C-alpha atoms as a PDB file:
ATOM      1  CA  VAL A   1      96.755 149.435 133.975  1.00  0.00           C
ATOM      2  CA  GLN A   2      97.481 152.135 136.505  1.00  0.00           C
ATOM      3  CA  LEU A   3      94.915 154.855 137.019  1.00  0.00           C
ATOM      4  CA  GLN A   4      95.387 158.349 138.393  1.00  0.00           C
ATOM      5  CA  ALA A   5      92.581 160.810 138.889  1.00  0.00           C
ATOM      6  CA  SER A   6      93.159 164.563 138.973  1.00  0.00           C
ATOM      7  CA  GLY A   7      91.305 167.848 138.756  1.00  0.00           C
ATOM      8  CA  GLY A   8      89.631 167.945 142.137  1.00  0.00           C
ATOM      9  CA  GLY A   9      89.577 170.904 144.459  1.00  0.00           C
ATOM     10  CA  LEU A  10      87.480 173.220 146.561  1.00  0.00           C
ATOM     11  CA  VAL A  11      84.496 174.775 144.818  1.00  0.00           C
ATOM     12  CA  GLN A  12      81.422 176.672 145.937  1.00  0.00           C
ATOM     13  CA  PRO A  13      77.955 175.192 145.560  1.00  0.00           C
ATOM     14  CA  GLY A  14      76.782 175.637 141.990  1.00  0.00           C
ATOM     15  CA  GLY A  15      80.313 175.580 140.670  1.00  0.00           C
ATOM     16  CA  SER A  16      82.012 173.242 138.222  1.00  0.00           C
ATOM     17  CA  LEU A  17      85.024 170.969 138.053  1.00  0.00           C
ATOM     18  CA  ARG A  18      86.424 168.705 135.378  1.00  0.00           C
ATOM     19  CA  LEU A  19      88.121 165.529 136.525  1.00  0.00           C
ATOM     20  CA  SER A  20      90.582 163.603 134.394  1.00  0.00           C
ATOM     21  CA  CYS A  21      91.755 160.021 134.715  1.00  0.00           C
ATOM     22  CA  ALA A  22      95.054 159.170 133.107  1.00  0.00           C
ATOM     23  CA  THR A  23      95.975 155.550 132.533  1.00  0.00           C
ATOM     24  CA  THR A  24      99.211 153.793 131.738  1.00  0.00           C
ATOM     25  CA  GLY A  25      97.577 151.293 129.425  1.00  0.00           C
ATOM     26  CA  SER A  26      94.965 151.260 126.717  1.00  0.00           C
ATOM     27  CA  ILE A  27      91.468 151.906 127.991  1.00  0.00           C
ATOM     28  CA  TYR A  28      90.144 150.550 124.701  1.00  0.00           C
ATOM     29  CA  ASN A  29      90.734 147.127 126.214  1.00  0.00           C
ATOM     30  CA  PHE A  30      87.994 147.842 128.707  1.00  0.00           C
ATOM     31  CA  ALA A  31      84.433 147.827 127.496  1.00  0.00           C
ATOM     32  CA  VAL A  32      83.292 150.020 130.365  1.00  0.00           C
ATOM     33  CA  MET A  33      85.106 152.726 132.322  1.00  0.00           C
ATOM     34  CA  ALA A  34      83.607 154.431 135.339  1.00  0.00           C
ATOM     35  CA  TRP A  35      83.967 157.110 137.951  1.00  0.00           C
ATOM     36  CA  TYR A  36      83.360 156.222 141.583  1.00  0.00           C
ATOM     37  CA  ARG A  37      83.315 158.288 144.757  1.00  0.00           C
ATOM     38  CA  GLN A  38      83.761 157.623 148.433  1.00  0.00           C
ATOM     39  CA  THR A  39      83.087 159.579 151.599  1.00  0.00           C
ATOM     40  CA  PRO A  40      84.460 158.672 155.044  1.00  0.00           C
ATOM     41  CA  GLY A  41      82.686 155.710 156.559  1.00  0.00           C
ATOM     42  CA  LYS A  42      80.802 154.830 153.401  1.00  0.00           C
ATOM     43  CA  ARG A  43      81.297 152.358 150.597  1.00  0.00           C
ATOM     44  CA  ARG A  44      82.791 153.455 147.322  1.00  0.00           C
ATOM     45  CA  GLU A  45      79.904 153.949 144.915  1.00  0.00           C
ATOM     46  CA  PRO A  46      79.702 154.280 141.142  1.00  0.00           C
ATOM     47  CA  VAL A  47      78.795 157.720 139.858  1.00  0.00           C
ATOM     48  CA  ALA A  48      78.926 157.333 136.112  1.00  0.00           C
ATOM     49  CA  SER A  49      80.078 154.793 133.570  1.00  0.00           C
ATOM     50  CA  ILE A  50      80.708 154.836 129.844  1.00  0.00           C
ATOM     51  CA  THR A  51      81.022 152.088 127.284  1.00  0.00           C
ATOM     52  CA  ARG A  52      83.766 151.805 124.694  1.00  0.00           C
ATOM     53  CA  ASP A  53      81.355 153.288 122.163  1.00  0.00           C
ATOM     54  CA  GLY A  54      80.566 156.261 124.374  1.00  0.00           C
ATOM     55  CA  ASN A  55      77.216 155.332 125.882  1.00  0.00           C
ATOM     56  CA  PRO A  56      76.919 156.779 129.410  1.00  0.00           C
ATOM     57  CA  VAL A  57      75.015 155.692 132.493  1.00  0.00           C
ATOM     58  CA  TYR A  58      74.606 157.906 135.573  1.00  0.00           C
ATOM     59  CA  THR A  59      73.488 157.379 139.101  1.00  0.00           C
ATOM     60  CA  ASN A  60      70.268 159.281 139.761  1.00  0.00           C
ATOM     61  CA  SER A  61      71.829 161.863 142.049  1.00  0.00           C
ATOM     62  CA  VAL A  62      74.099 163.246 139.304  1.00  0.00           C
ATOM     63  CA  LYS A  63      71.859 162.955 136.243  1.00  0.00           C
ATOM     64  CA  GLY A  64      71.671 166.238 134.374  1.00  0.00           C
ATOM     65  CA  ARG A  65      74.697 167.652 136.224  1.00  0.00           C
ATOM     66  CA  PHE A  66      77.626 165.349 135.388  1.00  0.00           C
ATOM     67  CA  ILE A  67      78.907 164.239 132.005  1.00  0.00           C
ATOM     68  CA  ILE A  68      81.323 161.341 131.558  1.00  0.00           C
ATOM     69  CA  SER A  69      83.438 161.011 128.447  1.00  0.00           C
ATOM     70  CA  ARG A  70      86.401 159.002 127.265  1.00  0.00           C
ATOM     71  CA  ASP A  71      89.158 159.544 124.745  1.00  0.00           C
ATOM     72  CA  ASN A  72      90.390 156.109 123.756  1.00  0.00           C
ATOM     73  CA  ALA A  73      93.263 157.579 121.750  1.00  0.00           C
ATOM     74  CA  LYS A  74      94.551 159.498 124.774  1.00  0.00           C
ATOM     75  CA  ASN A  75      93.691 156.719 127.243  1.00  0.00           C
ATOM     76  CA  THR A  76      91.869 159.244 129.371  1.00  0.00           C
ATOM     77  CA  VAL A  77      88.444 159.374 130.987  1.00  0.00           C
ATOM     78  CA  TYR A  78      86.813 162.641 132.016  1.00  0.00           C
ATOM     79  CA  LEU A  79      84.039 163.706 134.351  1.00  0.00           C
ATOM     80  CA  GLN A  80      82.556 167.152 133.851  1.00  0.00           C
ATOM     81  CA  MET A  81      80.734 168.141 137.018  1.00  0.00           C
ATOM     82  CA  ASP A  82      78.387 171.120 136.966  1.00  0.00           C
ATOM     83  CA  SER A  83      75.922 172.530 139.488  1.00  0.00           C
ATOM     84  CA  LEU A  84      77.910 170.937 142.267  1.00  0.00           C
ATOM     85  CA  LYS A  85      76.274 170.360 145.630  1.00  0.00           C
ATOM     86  CA  PRO A  86      77.778 169.878 149.095  1.00  0.00           C
ATOM     87  CA  GLU A  87      76.682 166.232 148.966  1.00  0.00           C
ATOM     88  CA  ASP A  88      79.010 165.716 145.995  1.00  0.00           C
ATOM     89  CA  THR A  89      81.944 166.138 148.374  1.00  0.00           C
ATOM     90  CA  ALA A  90      84.015 162.956 148.201  1.00  0.00           C
ATOM     91  CA  VAL A  91      87.198 161.402 146.918  1.00  0.00           C
ATOM     92  CA  TYR A  92      86.662 160.512 143.279  1.00  0.00           C
ATOM     93  CA  TYR A  93      88.312 157.534 141.591  1.00  0.00           C
ATOM     94  CA  CYS A  94      88.216 156.071 138.130  1.00  0.00           C
ATOM     95  CA  ASN A  95      88.408 152.414 137.217  1.00  0.00           C
ATOM     96  CA  HIS A  96      87.176 149.957 134.696  1.00  0.00           C
ATOM     97  CA  VAL A  97      84.118 147.751 135.207  1.00  0.00           C
ATOM     98  CA  PRO A  98      84.435 145.379 136.908  1.00  0.00           C
ATOM     99  CA  ALA A  99      86.915 147.310 138.993  1.00  0.00           C
ATOM    100  CA  GLY A 100      90.560 146.324 139.179  1.00  0.00           C
ATOM    101  CA  ALA A 101      93.286 147.729 141.389  1.00  0.00           C
ATOM    102  CA  TRP A 102      92.462 151.213 142.651  1.00  0.00           C
ATOM    103  CA  GLY A 103      94.700 154.104 141.794  1.00  0.00           C
ATOM    104  CA  GLN A 104      95.001 157.534 143.308  1.00  0.00           C
ATOM    105  CA  GLY A 105      91.779 159.451 143.763  1.00  0.00           C
ATOM    106  CA  THR A 106      91.167 163.168 143.757  1.00  0.00           C
ATOM    107  CA  GLN A 107      89.401 165.112 146.501  1.00  0.00           C
ATOM    108  CA  VAL A 108      86.361 167.180 145.569  1.00  0.00           C
ATOM    109  CA  THR A 109      85.039 169.524 148.232  1.00  0.00           C
ATOM    110  CA  VAL A 110      81.904 171.573 147.656  1.00  0.00           C
ATOM    111  CA  SER A 111      81.507 174.213 150.318  1.00  0.00           C
ATOM    112  CA  SER A 112      80.811 177.891 150.730  1.00  0.00           C
END
């Protein structure tokens, strides 16, 4: 399965973005899909995950601001990001859990 994230960009603090992750294979094969992010010099960290049945889990720093969803029919995973903060600035990637080969990420920059 190849993964490609898109939808990033430059946004002001308090703004919103919606990320999409397109895959070449069926994400239904994966019980859990997740969004990760990475900033320079730091480890890639999980941000949110979602089970095949749609149950989400969020890291504390994004709870109440981000919503992860998946469309198994379209083989796509989404991340709705609201009330963005400068500390959300990172390259965002999607992958299954446990993670396989990494695809292309998308840059999110939150700055005024």
